[in-house]
Amino acid sequence: MKIFTLIVLTALVSCGETPKDKDVVLETTAPDKDTTEKVTPQNELVIVPGGKHLEYWPSGQLKIQGQYDMQSLRTGLWMSYYESGIKWSESYYIDGLRHGHSLTFFTNGQVRYVGEFLKDEKSGLWTFYDEEGNKIKEERFDEN
């Protein structure tokens, strides 16, 4: 059944139709959560080892995109978006852990904070901003 679901989702994406067009709704967990699942109306988890992950808001707007490695762990750049289409965040992953540059935005598109992760732990200097783009603080995290 999972292979059939994957084929259907692949066909929808390749035809340029959004999940809304075919009543396929993917999970609507907030993009800042660490776990993200793609679900169909039957609530089946769809993770393809080495596959791309595309998740949509119920409106059909792209919500999260990224890539899985062959162990079904997050790898590379993952990006999330507010329902308005404005980017919410971007983080890099290695072996399912945040590792490298991480950036989060306010709903108006201004940077909220920027920093680095080392094996899923905050590392180095992090900079935080207000909604107008003014730096409000810097915080240093121990490097592991």
Protein backbone atom coordinates (compact mmCIF):
# COMPACT_ATOMS: atom_id res chain seq x y z
CA MET A 1 0.00 0.00 0.00
CA LYS A 2 2.87 2.39 0.77
CA ILE A 3 4.34 1.89 -2.71
CA PHE A 4 0.94 2.70 -4.24
CA THR A 5 0.67 5.84 -2.09
CA LEU A 6 4.17 6.90 -3.12
CA ILE A 7 3.29 6.42 -6.79
CA VAL A 8 0.13 8.51 -6.37
CA LEU A 9 2.02 11.31 -4.59
CA THR A 10 4.77 11.22 -7.23
CA ALA A 11 2.17 11.45 -10.00
CA LEU A 12 0.51 14.43 -8.31
CA VAL A 13 3.80 16.30 -7.93
CA SER A 14 4.94 15.53 -11.48
CA CYS A 15 1.60 16.70 -12.90
CA GLY A 16 1.99 20.03 -11.12
CA GLU A 17 -1.10 19.52 -8.98
CA THR A 18 -1.05 20.49 -5.34
CA PRO A 19 -2.26 18.12 -2.62
CA LYS A 20 -5.37 20.30 -2.26
CA ASP A 21 -6.36 19.43 -5.83
CA LYS A 22 -6.67 15.73 -4.99
CA ASP A 23 -7.60 15.98 -1.29
CA VAL A 24 -4.19 14.68 -0.24
CA VAL A 25 -3.32 16.53 2.95
CA LEU A 26 0.04 16.20 4.60
CA GLU A 27 0.67 16.62 8.32
CA THR A 28 0.38 20.19 9.57
CA THR A 29 2.85 20.03 12.46
CA ALA A 30 4.63 23.37 13.04
CA PRO A 31 7.84 23.64 10.99
CA ASP A 32 9.99 24.17 14.08
CA LYS A 33 9.23 20.65 15.33
CA ASP A 34 11.94 18.02 14.98
CA THR A 35 9.64 15.29 13.66
CA THR A 36 7.89 15.68 10.36
CA GLU A 37 5.70 13.05 8.77
CA LYS A 38 3.96 12.96 5.43
CA VAL A 39 0.50 11.52 5.79
CA THR A 40 -2.23 10.66 3.32
CA PRO A 41 -5.95 10.65 4.08
CA GLN A 42 -5.40 7.10 5.39
CA ASN A 43 -2.79 8.54 7.82
CA GLU A 44 0.08 6.47 6.41
CA LEU A 45 3.65 7.54 7.00
CA VAL A 46 5.50 8.03 3.71
CA ILE A 47 9.28 8.28 4.07
CA VAL A 48 11.36 7.07 1.17
CA PRO A 49 15.02 6.29 1.95
CA GLY A 50 17.09 8.68 -0.17
CA GLY A 51 13.91 10.47 -1.22
CA LYS A 52 12.77 14.07 -1.22
CA HIS A 53 10.30 15.27 1.38
CA LEU A 54 7.64 17.77 0.35
CA GLU A 55 4.99 18.75 2.82
CA TYR A 56 2.13 21.18 2.20
CA TRP A 57 -0.26 23.31 4.22
CA PRO A 58 -3.96 22.36 3.76
CA SER A 59 -4.17 25.33 1.35
CA GLY A 60 -1.69 23.59 -0.96
CA GLN A 61 1.14 26.03 -0.15
CA LEU A 62 4.56 24.38 0.34
CA LYS A 63 5.34 23.98 4.05
CA ILE A 64 8.53 21.89 4.36
CA GLN A 65 11.03 20.55 1.86
CA GLY A 66 14.12 18.45 2.35
CA GLN A 67 15.90 15.21 1.57
CA TYR A 68 16.29 11.89 3.40
CA ASP A 69 19.45 9.80 3.33
CA MET A 70 19.37 6.04 2.71
CA GLN A 71 18.68 5.44 6.42
CA SER A 72 15.57 7.68 6.19
CA LEU A 73 17.25 10.44 8.22
CA ARG A 74 17.21 14.12 7.32
CA THR A 75 20.21 15.21 5.29
CA GLY A 76 21.30 18.44 3.64
CA LEU A 77 19.28 21.64 3.57
CA TRP A 78 15.74 21.57 4.97
CA MET A 79 13.51 24.62 4.54
CA SER A 80 10.11 25.45 6.01
CA TYR A 81 7.61 28.13 5.05
CA TYR A 82 4.73 29.96 6.66
CA GLU A 83 1.35 29.37 5.02
CA SER A 84 1.77 32.77 3.35
CA GLY A 85 4.78 31.40 1.43
CA ILE A 86 7.36 33.42 3.41
CA LYS A 87 10.34 31.32 4.49
CA TRP A 88 10.12 30.28 8.16
CA SER A 89 13.47 28.55 8.58
CA GLU A 90 16.39 26.77 6.98
CA SER A 91 18.73 24.30 8.64
CA TYR A 92 21.30 21.78 7.50
CA TYR A 93 21.25 18.16 8.64
CA ILE A 94 23.72 15.28 8.75
CA ASP A 95 22.54 11.82 9.88
CA GLY A 96 19.22 13.29 11.02
CA LEU A 97 20.83 15.89 13.29
CA ARG A 98 20.98 19.64 12.74
CA HIS A 99 24.57 20.34 11.83
CA GLY A 100 25.74 23.61 10.37
CA HIS A 101 24.07 26.90 9.53
CA SER A 102 20.54 27.58 10.84
CA LEU A 103 18.36 30.60 10.14
CA THR A 104 14.81 31.47 11.25
CA PHE A 105 12.57 34.29 9.99
CA PHE A 106 9.61 36.32 11.26
CA THR A 107 6.34 36.29 9.28
CA ASN A 108 7.38 39.60 7.67
CA GLY A 109 10.52 37.98 6.20
CA GLN A 110 13.00 39.61 8.60
CA VAL A 111 15.65 37.36 10.16
CA ARG A 112 14.71 36.25 13.69
CA TYR A 113 17.98 34.50 14.57
CA VAL A 114 21.01 32.96 12.94
CA GLY A 115 23.45 30.42 14.36
CA GLU A 116 25.22 27.12 13.94
CA PHE A 117 24.48 23.61 15.19
CA LEU A 118 27.03 20.93 15.93
CA LYS A 119 25.42 17.47 16.16
CA ASP A 120 22.02 18.99 17.09
CA GLU A 121 23.47 21.28 19.78
CA LYS A 122 23.71 25.07 19.49
CA SER A 123 27.31 26.02 18.89
CA GLY A 124 29.31 29.24 18.61
CA LEU A 125 27.82 32.71 18.31
CA TRP A 126 24.06 33.09 17.78
CA THR A 127 22.55 36.46 16.83
CA PHE A 128 18.93 37.42 17.54
CA TYR A 129 16.94 40.22 15.88
CA ASP A 130 13.61 41.98 16.36
CA GLU A 131 10.90 42.14 13.68
CA GLU A 132 12.37 45.35 12.26
CA GLY A 133 15.76 43.71 11.68
CA ASN A 134 17.58 45.30 14.63
CA LYS A 135 20.06 43.12 16.51
CA ILE A 136 18.74 42.58 20.03
CA LYS A 137 21.31 40.19 21.47
CA GLU A 138 24.11 37.77 20.83
CA GLU A 139 24.64 34.58 22.74
CA ARG A 140 27.64 32.24 22.68
CA PHE A 141 27.16 28.50 23.10
CA ASP A 142 29.90 26.11 24.10
CA GLU A 143 31.34 24.20 21.20
CA ASN A 144 31.31 20.48 21.83
